[in-house]
Amino acid sequence: MSFIIAVTRPDREPTPPLPLAGEGWGGGLSAREVSMDERKTWKVSGKLRSNARALRRNSTDVERILWSELRDHRLAGAGFRRQTPVGSYIADFVCHAAKLVIELDGGQHFSVQIERSDTRRTAAIESLGFKVLRFNNLDVITNRTGVLETIAAAVAERAPTLTLPRKRERESQATAGKQQS
């Protein structure tokens, strides 16, 4: 049997118990109470955003393979986003710091009509200041190291001063340096 003993101090008023997890103290505004002026306005249409979300949910196997190498600043410390709207298109992967877009092309991209469409798409994205790298799915599967080296070189060329590693990583690097001394 366990007992909880409450100690009250005469110099302080008793405080109510803390709320249960997820309940909070309340006091915030409901979504209906927030005016339209305070809501975030997006530069991208709602349809394009919802299409990007759907593409993120239904990514291909090759996209998942490459994303596992690019996510969490794993490649040269560069941050990538996947299935991101760029202009009126949705790019497979984008590094905003390096203004770099990576497109993965499956077998359907080798027809003449699709190649013309891809050329127009690349020109439109490059007109926004991005560099576009295109890889076919077979390259990612059979030569992943070469693809990653090409991407890392493009990132280094276009964004030579990337952000510092996250605080946790800097601390672990500092303690490793101290242990070596």
N, C-alpha and C. Protein backbone atom coordinates (compact mmCIF):
# COMPACT_ATOMS: atom_id res chain seq x y z
N MET A 1 0.84 -1.15 0.00
CA MET A 1 0.00 0.00 0.00
C MET A 1 0.89 1.23 0.00
N SER A 2 0.58 2.23 -0.84
CA SER A 2 1.37 3.45 -0.86
C SER A 2 0.46 4.64 -0.59
N PHE A 3 1.03 5.61 0.05
CA PHE A 3 0.29 6.81 0.39
C PHE A 3 0.97 8.02 -0.23
N ILE A 4 0.17 8.98 -0.63
CA ILE A 4 0.70 10.24 -1.13
C ILE A 4 0.46 11.27 -0.05
N ILE A 5 1.50 11.91 0.37
CA ILE A 5 1.38 12.91 1.41
C ILE A 5 1.48 14.28 0.76
N ALA A 6 0.48 15.10 0.92
CA ALA A 6 0.49 16.44 0.37
C ALA A 6 0.99 17.40 1.43
N VAL A 7 2.00 18.12 1.08
CA VAL A 7 2.56 19.09 2.01
C VAL A 7 2.14 20.47 1.53
N THR A 8 1.47 21.22 2.36
CA THR A 8 1.09 22.58 2.00
C THR A 8 2.01 23.53 2.73
N ARG A 9 2.40 24.54 2.02
CA ARG A 9 3.26 25.55 2.62
C ARG A 9 2.41 26.80 2.86
N PRO A 10 2.48 27.36 4.02
CA PRO A 10 1.64 28.51 4.35
C PRO A 10 1.95 29.74 3.49
N ASP A 11 3.18 29.84 2.95
CA ASP A 11 3.53 31.02 2.17
C ASP A 11 3.09 30.93 0.70
N ARG A 12 2.56 29.80 0.26
CA ARG A 12 2.12 29.63 -1.13
C ARG A 12 0.68 29.17 -1.16
N GLU A 13 0.00 29.59 -2.21
CA GLU A 13 -1.37 29.10 -2.41
C GLU A 13 -1.29 27.71 -3.02
N PRO A 14 -2.24 26.85 -2.68
CA PRO A 14 -2.23 25.52 -3.30
C PRO A 14 -2.50 25.63 -4.80
N THR A 15 -1.79 24.83 -5.57
CA THR A 15 -1.98 24.85 -7.02
C THR A 15 -2.78 23.63 -7.43
N PRO A 16 -3.56 23.75 -8.51
CA PRO A 16 -4.31 22.59 -8.97
C PRO A 16 -3.36 21.54 -9.52
N PRO A 17 -3.78 20.29 -9.56
CA PRO A 17 -2.90 19.24 -10.10
C PRO A 17 -2.64 19.47 -11.59
N LEU A 18 -1.53 18.98 -12.04
CA LEU A 18 -1.19 19.11 -13.46
C LEU A 18 -2.21 18.36 -14.31
N PRO A 19 -2.49 18.83 -15.55
CA PRO A 19 -3.44 18.12 -16.41
C PRO A 19 -2.85 16.80 -16.88
N LEU A 20 -3.72 15.88 -17.25
CA LEU A 20 -3.27 14.61 -17.79
C LEU A 20 -2.64 14.83 -19.16
N ALA A 21 -1.86 13.87 -19.59
CA ALA A 21 -1.17 13.99 -20.87
C ALA A 21 -2.17 14.25 -21.99
N GLY A 22 -1.88 15.26 -22.80
CA GLY A 22 -2.72 15.56 -23.94
C GLY A 22 -3.89 16.48 -23.65
N GLU A 23 -4.17 16.72 -22.37
CA GLU A 23 -5.31 17.55 -22.04
C GLU A 23 -4.94 19.03 -22.02
N GLY A 24 -3.77 19.39 -21.60
CA GLY A 24 -3.34 20.78 -21.56
C GLY A 24 -4.15 21.60 -20.59
N TRP A 25 -3.80 22.85 -20.48
CA TRP A 25 -4.51 23.75 -19.58
C TRP A 25 -5.66 24.44 -20.28
N GLY A 26 -5.72 24.32 -21.60
CA GLY A 26 -6.78 25.01 -22.33
C GLY A 26 -6.40 26.47 -22.50
N GLY A 27 -7.39 27.27 -22.79
CA GLY A 27 -7.13 28.69 -22.92
C GLY A 27 -6.73 29.11 -24.31
N GLY A 28 -6.49 28.19 -25.22
CA GLY A 28 -6.16 28.55 -26.59
C GLY A 28 -7.40 28.83 -27.40
N LEU A 29 -7.21 29.25 -28.62
CA LEU A 29 -8.33 29.54 -29.50
C LEU A 29 -8.66 28.31 -30.33
N SER A 30 -9.93 28.12 -30.59
CA SER A 30 -10.31 27.04 -31.48
C SER A 30 -10.07 27.49 -32.92
N ALA A 31 -10.09 26.55 -33.84
CA ALA A 31 -9.84 26.89 -35.24
C ALA A 31 -10.87 27.87 -35.77
N ARG A 32 -12.08 27.80 -35.30
CA ARG A 32 -13.13 28.70 -35.76
C ARG A 32 -12.91 30.13 -35.30
N GLU A 33 -12.22 30.28 -34.17
CA GLU A 33 -12.01 31.61 -33.60
C GLU A 33 -10.87 32.37 -34.26
N VAL A 34 -10.02 31.69 -35.01
CA VAL A 34 -8.90 32.35 -35.65
C VAL A 34 -9.40 33.01 -36.93
N SER A 35 -9.08 34.28 -37.10
CA SER A 35 -9.56 34.98 -38.30
C SER A 35 -8.74 34.54 -39.50
N MET A 36 -9.27 34.77 -40.68
CA MET A 36 -8.58 34.39 -41.91
C MET A 36 -7.27 35.17 -42.07
N ASP A 37 -7.19 36.38 -41.51
CA ASP A 37 -5.99 37.18 -41.65
C ASP A 37 -4.81 36.54 -40.93
N GLU A 38 -5.06 35.79 -39.86
CA GLU A 38 -4.00 35.20 -39.08
C GLU A 38 -3.54 33.85 -39.62
N ARG A 39 -4.32 33.27 -40.51
CA ARG A 39 -3.94 31.96 -41.06
C ARG A 39 -2.83 32.13 -42.07
N LYS A 40 -2.02 31.08 -42.21
CA LYS A 40 -0.89 31.11 -43.13
C LYS A 40 -1.41 31.09 -44.57
N THR A 41 -0.87 31.93 -45.40
CA THR A 41 -1.24 31.91 -46.81
C THR A 41 -0.12 31.22 -47.57
N TRP A 42 -0.47 30.29 -48.40
CA TRP A 42 0.50 29.52 -49.15
C TRP A 42 0.66 30.11 -50.54
N LYS A 43 1.88 30.02 -51.06
CA LYS A 43 2.14 30.49 -52.41
C LYS A 43 1.82 29.40 -53.43
N VAL A 44 1.44 28.24 -52.95
CA VAL A 44 1.17 27.09 -53.79
C VAL A 44 -0.32 26.77 -53.68
N SER A 45 -0.91 26.39 -54.79
CA SER A 45 -2.34 26.09 -54.77
C SER A 45 -2.62 24.87 -53.89
N GLY A 46 -3.83 24.83 -53.38
CA GLY A 46 -4.24 23.70 -52.53
C GLY A 46 -4.19 22.39 -53.28
N LYS A 47 -4.53 22.42 -54.57
CA LYS A 47 -4.53 21.19 -55.37
C LYS A 47 -3.11 20.65 -55.53
N LEU A 48 -2.16 21.57 -55.78
CA LEU A 48 -0.77 21.13 -55.94
C LEU A 48 -0.23 20.57 -54.62
N ARG A 49 -0.56 21.22 -53.50
CA ARG A 49 -0.13 20.72 -52.19
C ARG A 49 -0.72 19.35 -51.90
N SER A 50 -2.00 19.15 -52.20
CA SER A 50 -2.61 17.84 -51.92
C SER A 50 -2.03 16.77 -52.84
N ASN A 51 -1.71 17.13 -54.09
CA ASN A 51 -1.06 16.16 -54.99
C ASN A 51 0.33 15.78 -54.46
N ALA A 52 1.06 16.76 -53.93
CA ALA A 52 2.38 16.47 -53.37
C ALA A 52 2.26 15.53 -52.17
N ARG A 53 1.27 15.78 -51.32
CA ARG A 53 1.06 14.89 -50.16
C ARG A 53 0.74 13.47 -50.62
N ALA A 54 -0.10 13.35 -51.64
CA ALA A 54 -0.45 12.02 -52.15
C ALA A 54 0.79 11.32 -52.72
N LEU A 55 1.64 12.06 -53.42
CA LEU A 55 2.86 11.46 -53.96
C LEU A 55 3.81 11.03 -52.84
N ARG A 56 3.86 11.79 -51.74
CA ARG A 56 4.70 11.38 -50.61
C ARG A 56 4.18 10.09 -49.98
N ARG A 57 2.85 9.99 -49.90
CA ARG A 57 2.27 8.77 -49.30
C ARG A 57 2.47 7.56 -50.19
N ASN A 58 2.48 7.76 -51.50
CA ASN A 58 2.54 6.64 -52.45
C ASN A 58 3.85 6.65 -53.23
N SER A 59 4.98 6.79 -52.54
CA SER A 59 6.26 6.87 -53.23
C SER A 59 6.66 5.51 -53.80
N THR A 60 7.48 5.56 -54.84
CA THR A 60 7.94 4.33 -55.47
C THR A 60 9.08 3.73 -54.65
N ASP A 61 9.42 2.50 -54.94
CA ASP A 61 10.51 1.83 -54.23
C ASP A 61 11.83 2.58 -54.41
N VAL A 62 12.10 3.04 -55.64
CA VAL A 62 13.35 3.74 -55.92
C VAL A 62 13.38 5.08 -55.19
N GLU A 63 12.26 5.79 -55.11
CA GLU A 63 12.21 7.03 -54.34
C GLU A 63 12.49 6.77 -52.86
N ARG A 64 11.96 5.69 -52.33
CA ARG A 64 12.22 5.36 -50.93
C ARG A 64 13.69 5.03 -50.70
N ILE A 65 14.31 4.34 -51.65
CA ILE A 65 15.74 4.01 -51.54
C ILE A 65 16.57 5.30 -51.48
N LEU A 66 16.33 6.21 -52.42
CA LEU A 66 17.11 7.44 -52.46
C LEU A 66 16.77 8.32 -51.26
N TRP A 67 15.52 8.36 -50.85
CA TRP A 67 15.13 9.18 -49.70
C TRP A 67 15.83 8.70 -48.43
N SER A 68 16.04 7.39 -48.31
CA SER A 68 16.73 6.88 -47.11
C SER A 68 18.16 7.40 -47.03
N GLU A 69 18.74 7.77 -48.17
CA GLU A 69 20.10 8.30 -48.18
C GLU A 69 20.14 9.83 -48.04
N LEU A 70 19.04 10.50 -48.41
CA LEU A 70 19.02 11.97 -48.42
C LEU A 70 18.42 12.58 -47.15
N ARG A 71 17.56 11.85 -46.48
CA ARG A 71 16.81 12.43 -45.36
C ARG A 71 17.71 12.74 -44.17
N ASP A 72 17.23 13.59 -43.30
CA ASP A 72 17.94 13.95 -42.05
C ASP A 72 19.36 14.48 -42.28
N HIS A 73 19.57 15.22 -43.36
CA HIS A 73 20.87 15.85 -43.64
C HIS A 73 21.98 14.81 -43.74
N ARG A 74 21.67 13.62 -44.22
CA ARG A 74 22.66 12.54 -44.27
C ARG A 74 23.70 12.72 -45.36
N LEU A 75 23.34 13.43 -46.43
CA LEU A 75 24.26 13.58 -47.55
C LEU A 75 24.89 14.97 -47.49
N ALA A 76 26.14 15.04 -47.14
CA ALA A 76 26.92 16.28 -47.11
C ALA A 76 26.28 17.36 -46.24
N GLY A 77 25.48 16.96 -45.28
CA GLY A 77 24.85 17.92 -44.38
C GLY A 77 23.73 18.73 -45.00
N ALA A 78 23.33 18.38 -46.21
CA ALA A 78 22.30 19.14 -46.93
C ALA A 78 20.91 18.61 -46.57
N GLY A 79 19.99 19.53 -46.38
CA GLY A 79 18.61 19.16 -46.08
C GLY A 79 17.81 19.03 -47.36
N PHE A 80 17.15 17.92 -47.53
CA PHE A 80 16.32 17.68 -48.71
C PHE A 80 14.86 17.53 -48.29
N ARG A 81 13.98 17.89 -49.19
CA ARG A 81 12.55 17.62 -49.04
C ARG A 81 12.14 16.74 -50.21
N ARG A 82 11.12 15.94 -50.00
CA ARG A 82 10.67 15.08 -51.10
C ARG A 82 9.28 15.47 -51.55
N GLN A 83 9.02 15.25 -52.84
CA GLN A 83 7.73 15.57 -53.46
C GLN A 83 7.28 16.98 -53.06
N THR A 84 8.08 17.95 -53.45
CA THR A 84 7.86 19.34 -53.08
C THR A 84 7.43 20.15 -54.29
N PRO A 85 6.41 20.99 -54.14
CA PRO A 85 6.04 21.87 -55.26
C PRO A 85 7.15 22.88 -55.55
N VAL A 86 7.53 22.98 -56.82
CA VAL A 86 8.48 23.98 -57.30
C VAL A 86 7.84 24.59 -58.53
N GLY A 87 7.44 25.84 -58.42
CA GLY A 87 6.69 26.46 -59.50
C GLY A 87 5.36 25.74 -59.63
N SER A 88 5.04 25.33 -60.83
CA SER A 88 3.78 24.60 -61.04
C SER A 88 4.00 23.10 -61.15
N TYR A 89 5.18 22.64 -60.76
CA TYR A 89 5.53 21.22 -60.81
C TYR A 89 5.79 20.69 -59.41
N ILE A 90 5.80 19.36 -59.30
CA ILE A 90 6.18 18.71 -58.04
C ILE A 90 7.48 17.97 -58.30
N ALA A 91 8.54 18.42 -57.63
CA ALA A 91 9.86 17.81 -57.81
C ALA A 91 10.00 16.61 -56.88
N ASP A 92 10.72 15.59 -57.33
CA ASP A 92 10.91 14.40 -56.50
C ASP A 92 11.67 14.75 -55.22
N PHE A 93 12.81 15.45 -55.35
CA PHE A 93 13.61 15.86 -54.20
C PHE A 93 14.14 17.26 -54.44
N VAL A 94 14.15 18.08 -53.38
CA VAL A 94 14.62 19.45 -53.48
C VAL A 94 15.54 19.77 -52.31
N CYS A 95 16.66 20.39 -52.62
CA CYS A 95 17.53 20.97 -51.60
C CYS A 95 17.48 22.48 -51.80
N HIS A 96 16.75 23.17 -50.93
CA HIS A 96 16.58 24.61 -51.10
C HIS A 96 17.88 25.37 -50.87
N ALA A 97 18.73 24.90 -49.96
CA ALA A 97 19.99 25.59 -49.68
C ALA A 97 20.88 25.63 -50.91
N ALA A 98 20.88 24.56 -51.70
CA ALA A 98 21.71 24.48 -52.89
C ALA A 98 20.93 24.80 -54.16
N LYS A 99 19.64 25.08 -54.00
CA LYS A 99 18.76 25.31 -55.17
C LYS A 99 18.94 24.16 -56.17
N LEU A 100 18.77 22.95 -55.66
CA LEU A 100 18.99 21.74 -56.44
C LEU A 100 17.73 20.88 -56.44
N VAL A 101 17.33 20.41 -57.63
CA VAL A 101 16.18 19.53 -57.79
C VAL A 101 16.69 18.21 -58.35
N ILE A 102 16.23 17.11 -57.76
CA ILE A 102 16.59 15.78 -58.24
C ILE A 102 15.33 15.11 -58.74
N GLU A 103 15.37 14.65 -59.97
CA GLU A 103 14.24 13.96 -60.58
C GLU A 103 14.63 12.52 -60.89
N LEU A 104 13.75 11.59 -60.54
CA LEU A 104 13.96 10.18 -60.86
C LEU A 104 13.02 9.81 -62.00
N ASP A 105 13.58 9.20 -63.04
CA ASP A 105 12.80 8.86 -64.22
C ASP A 105 12.66 7.35 -64.33
N GLY A 106 11.43 6.89 -64.37
CA GLY A 106 11.15 5.48 -64.58
C GLY A 106 11.14 5.16 -66.06
N GLY A 107 10.74 3.96 -66.41
CA GLY A 107 10.74 3.51 -67.80
C GLY A 107 9.85 4.33 -68.72
N GLN A 108 8.77 4.92 -68.17
CA GLN A 108 7.84 5.68 -69.00
C GLN A 108 8.46 6.99 -69.51
N HIS A 109 9.58 7.41 -68.96
CA HIS A 109 10.19 8.68 -69.34
C HIS A 109 11.04 8.57 -70.59
N PHE A 110 11.09 7.42 -71.22
CA PHE A 110 11.96 7.25 -72.37
C PHE A 110 11.22 7.32 -73.69
N SER A 111 9.94 7.68 -73.67
CA SER A 111 9.23 7.91 -74.93
C SER A 111 9.49 9.34 -75.39
N VAL A 112 9.34 9.60 -76.68
CA VAL A 112 9.66 10.91 -77.25
C VAL A 112 8.77 12.00 -76.64
N GLN A 113 7.50 11.71 -76.50
CA GLN A 113 6.56 12.71 -75.97
C GLN A 113 6.89 13.07 -74.51
N ILE A 114 7.20 12.07 -73.71
CA ILE A 114 7.52 12.31 -72.30
C ILE A 114 8.86 13.04 -72.18
N GLU A 115 9.83 12.71 -73.06
CA GLU A 115 11.12 13.40 -73.03
C GLU A 115 10.94 14.88 -73.34
N ARG A 116 10.06 15.22 -74.28
CA ARG A 116 9.77 16.64 -74.57
C ARG A 116 9.15 17.30 -73.35
N SER A 117 8.22 16.61 -72.71
CA SER A 117 7.57 17.15 -71.51
C SER A 117 8.59 17.36 -70.40
N ASP A 118 9.51 16.41 -70.23
CA ASP A 118 10.56 16.53 -69.22
C ASP A 118 11.49 17.71 -69.52
N THR A 119 11.76 17.95 -70.80
CA THR A 119 12.62 19.08 -71.19
C THR A 119 11.94 20.39 -70.84
N ARG A 120 10.64 20.51 -71.11
CA ARG A 120 9.90 21.73 -70.74
C ARG A 120 9.87 21.91 -69.22
N ARG A 121 9.66 20.81 -68.52
CA ARG A 121 9.61 20.84 -67.05
C ARG A 121 10.95 21.29 -66.48
N THR A 122 12.05 20.74 -67.00
CA THR A 122 13.39 21.10 -66.55
C THR A 122 13.65 22.58 -66.81
N ALA A 123 13.28 23.07 -68.00
CA ALA A 123 13.50 24.48 -68.34
C ALA A 123 12.71 25.39 -67.39
N ALA A 124 11.47 25.01 -67.07
CA ALA A 124 10.64 25.82 -66.18
C ALA A 124 11.24 25.86 -64.78
N ILE A 125 11.74 24.72 -64.28
CA ILE A 125 12.32 24.68 -62.94
C ILE A 125 13.64 25.44 -62.92
N GLU A 126 14.45 25.30 -63.97
CA GLU A 126 15.73 26.02 -64.02
C GLU A 126 15.53 27.52 -64.14
N SER A 127 14.41 27.94 -64.73
CA SER A 127 14.14 29.38 -64.83
C SER A 127 13.88 30.00 -63.45
N LEU A 128 13.59 29.16 -62.45
CA LEU A 128 13.40 29.62 -61.08
C LEU A 128 14.72 29.64 -60.30
N GLY A 129 15.83 29.30 -60.97
CA GLY A 129 17.13 29.34 -60.33
C GLY A 129 17.62 28.01 -59.79
N PHE A 130 16.90 26.94 -60.05
CA PHE A 130 17.30 25.61 -59.58
C PHE A 130 18.14 24.91 -60.64
N LYS A 131 19.01 24.03 -60.20
CA LYS A 131 19.71 23.11 -61.10
C LYS A 131 18.97 21.78 -61.00
N VAL A 132 18.73 21.14 -62.14
CA VAL A 132 17.98 19.88 -62.15
C VAL A 132 18.93 18.75 -62.50
N LEU A 133 18.96 17.73 -61.63
CA LEU A 133 19.70 16.49 -61.91
C LEU A 133 18.69 15.40 -62.16
N ARG A 134 18.86 14.67 -63.26
CA ARG A 134 17.94 13.58 -63.59
C ARG A 134 18.69 12.26 -63.55
N PHE A 135 18.08 11.29 -62.90
CA PHE A 135 18.64 9.93 -62.84
C PHE A 135 17.53 8.96 -63.20
N ASN A 136 17.87 7.91 -63.93
CA ASN A 136 16.83 6.91 -64.15
C ASN A 136 16.86 5.90 -63.00
N ASN A 137 15.76 5.22 -62.84
CA ASN A 137 15.61 4.31 -61.71
C ASN A 137 16.70 3.25 -61.67
N LEU A 138 17.10 2.76 -62.83
CA LEU A 138 18.13 1.71 -62.89
C LEU A 138 19.45 2.22 -62.31
N ASP A 139 19.78 3.49 -62.57
CA ASP A 139 21.01 4.06 -62.00
C ASP A 139 20.97 4.03 -60.48
N VAL A 140 19.85 4.40 -59.91
CA VAL A 140 19.74 4.45 -58.45
C VAL A 140 19.87 3.05 -57.87
N ILE A 141 19.31 2.06 -58.54
CA ILE A 141 19.34 0.69 -58.03
C ILE A 141 20.74 0.08 -58.19
N THR A 142 21.36 0.26 -59.37
CA THR A 142 22.62 -0.44 -59.64
C THR A 142 23.87 0.37 -59.27
N ASN A 143 23.75 1.70 -59.24
CA ASN A 143 24.93 2.54 -58.99
C ASN A 143 24.59 3.63 -57.98
N ARG A 144 24.08 3.23 -56.84
CA ARG A 144 23.64 4.19 -55.82
C ARG A 144 24.79 5.09 -55.37
N THR A 145 25.97 4.53 -55.19
CA THR A 145 27.12 5.31 -54.74
C THR A 145 27.46 6.40 -55.75
N GLY A 146 27.45 6.07 -57.02
CA GLY A 146 27.74 7.06 -58.06
C GLY A 146 26.70 8.17 -58.09
N VAL A 147 25.43 7.82 -57.93
CA VAL A 147 24.36 8.81 -57.90
C VAL A 147 24.54 9.74 -56.70
N LEU A 148 24.84 9.17 -55.55
CA LEU A 148 25.04 9.99 -54.34
C LEU A 148 26.26 10.90 -54.46
N GLU A 149 27.33 10.41 -55.09
CA GLU A 149 28.51 11.25 -55.30
C GLU A 149 28.20 12.41 -56.22
N THR A 150 27.40 12.15 -57.26
CA THR A 150 27.01 13.22 -58.19
C THR A 150 26.17 14.27 -57.47
N ILE A 151 25.24 13.82 -56.64
CA ILE A 151 24.40 14.76 -55.90
C ILE A 151 25.25 15.55 -54.90
N ALA A 152 26.16 14.88 -54.19
CA ALA A 152 27.01 15.55 -53.21
C ALA A 152 27.89 16.60 -53.88
N ALA A 153 28.41 16.29 -55.07
CA ALA A 153 29.24 17.25 -55.80
C ALA A 153 28.42 18.47 -56.21
N ALA A 154 27.19 18.25 -56.64
CA ALA A 154 26.32 19.36 -57.04
C ALA A 154 25.97 20.23 -55.83
N VAL A 155 25.74 19.59 -54.70
CA VAL A 155 25.43 20.34 -53.47
C VAL A 155 26.65 21.17 -53.06
N ALA A 156 27.84 20.58 -53.09
CA ALA A 156 29.06 21.29 -52.71
C ALA A 156 29.33 22.46 -53.65
N GLU A 157 29.04 22.27 -54.93
CA GLU A 157 29.26 23.32 -55.93
C GLU A 157 28.30 24.49 -55.74
N ARG A 158 27.06 24.18 -55.40
CA ARG A 158 26.03 25.22 -55.34
C ARG A 158 25.80 25.80 -53.96
N ALA A 159 26.19 25.11 -52.92
CA ALA A 159 25.99 25.61 -51.56
C ALA A 159 27.23 25.28 -50.72
N PRO A 160 28.32 25.98 -50.94
CA PRO A 160 29.55 25.64 -50.24
C PRO A 160 29.49 25.85 -48.74
N THR A 161 28.62 26.74 -48.25
CA THR A 161 28.52 26.96 -46.82
C THR A 161 27.15 26.49 -46.34
N LEU A 162 27.08 25.24 -46.01
CA LEU A 162 25.83 24.67 -45.53
C LEU A 162 25.67 24.93 -44.04
N THR A 163 24.48 24.66 -43.55
CA THR A 163 24.21 24.88 -42.14
C THR A 163 25.02 23.92 -41.29
N LEU A 164 25.25 24.31 -40.05
CA LEU A 164 25.98 23.45 -39.11
C LEU A 164 25.15 22.23 -38.78
N PRO A 165 25.80 21.15 -38.38
CA PRO A 165 25.03 19.98 -37.93
C PRO A 165 24.17 20.36 -36.73
N ARG A 166 23.14 19.59 -36.51
CA ARG A 166 22.26 19.86 -35.38
C ARG A 166 23.03 19.82 -34.07
N LYS A 167 22.51 20.49 -33.06
CA LYS A 167 23.20 20.65 -31.78
C LYS A 167 23.64 19.31 -31.20
N ARG A 168 22.77 18.32 -31.27
CA ARG A 168 23.09 17.01 -30.72
C ARG A 168 24.32 16.42 -31.41
N GLU A 169 24.40 16.60 -32.74
CA GLU A 169 25.53 16.06 -33.48
C GLU A 169 26.81 16.81 -33.14
N ARG A 170 26.72 18.16 -32.97
CA ARG A 170 27.90 18.95 -32.61
C ARG A 170 28.43 18.53 -31.25
N GLU A 171 27.51 18.28 -30.31
CA GLU A 171 27.93 17.87 -28.97
C GLU A 171 28.63 16.52 -29.01
N SER A 172 28.10 15.58 -29.79
CA SER A 172 28.73 14.26 -29.86
C SER A 172 30.09 14.34 -30.54
N GLN A 173 30.22 15.23 -31.54
CA GLN A 173 31.51 15.41 -32.19
C GLN A 173 32.52 16.05 -31.24
N ALA A 174 32.05 16.99 -30.41
CA ALA A 174 32.95 17.66 -29.46
C ALA A 174 33.44 16.68 -28.40
N THR A 175 32.54 15.83 -27.89
CA THR A 175 32.97 14.87 -26.87
C THR A 175 33.90 13.83 -27.48
N ALA A 176 33.69 13.48 -28.74
CA ALA A 176 34.60 12.52 -29.39
C ALA A 176 35.98 13.14 -29.57
N GLY A 177 36.00 14.45 -29.88
CA GLY A 177 37.29 15.15 -30.02
C GLY A 177 38.04 15.24 -28.72
N LYS A 178 37.32 15.45 -27.62
CA LYS A 178 37.94 15.54 -26.30
C LYS A 178 38.50 14.19 -25.86
N GLN A 179 37.81 13.12 -26.22
CA GLN A 179 38.27 11.79 -25.83
C GLN A 179 39.54 11.41 -26.56
N GLN A 180 39.72 11.92 -27.78
CA GLN A 180 40.91 11.61 -28.56
C GLN A 180 42.13 12.37 -28.04
N SER A 181 41.91 13.53 -27.40
CA SER A 181 43.04 14.36 -26.90
C SER A 181 43.72 13.74 -25.72
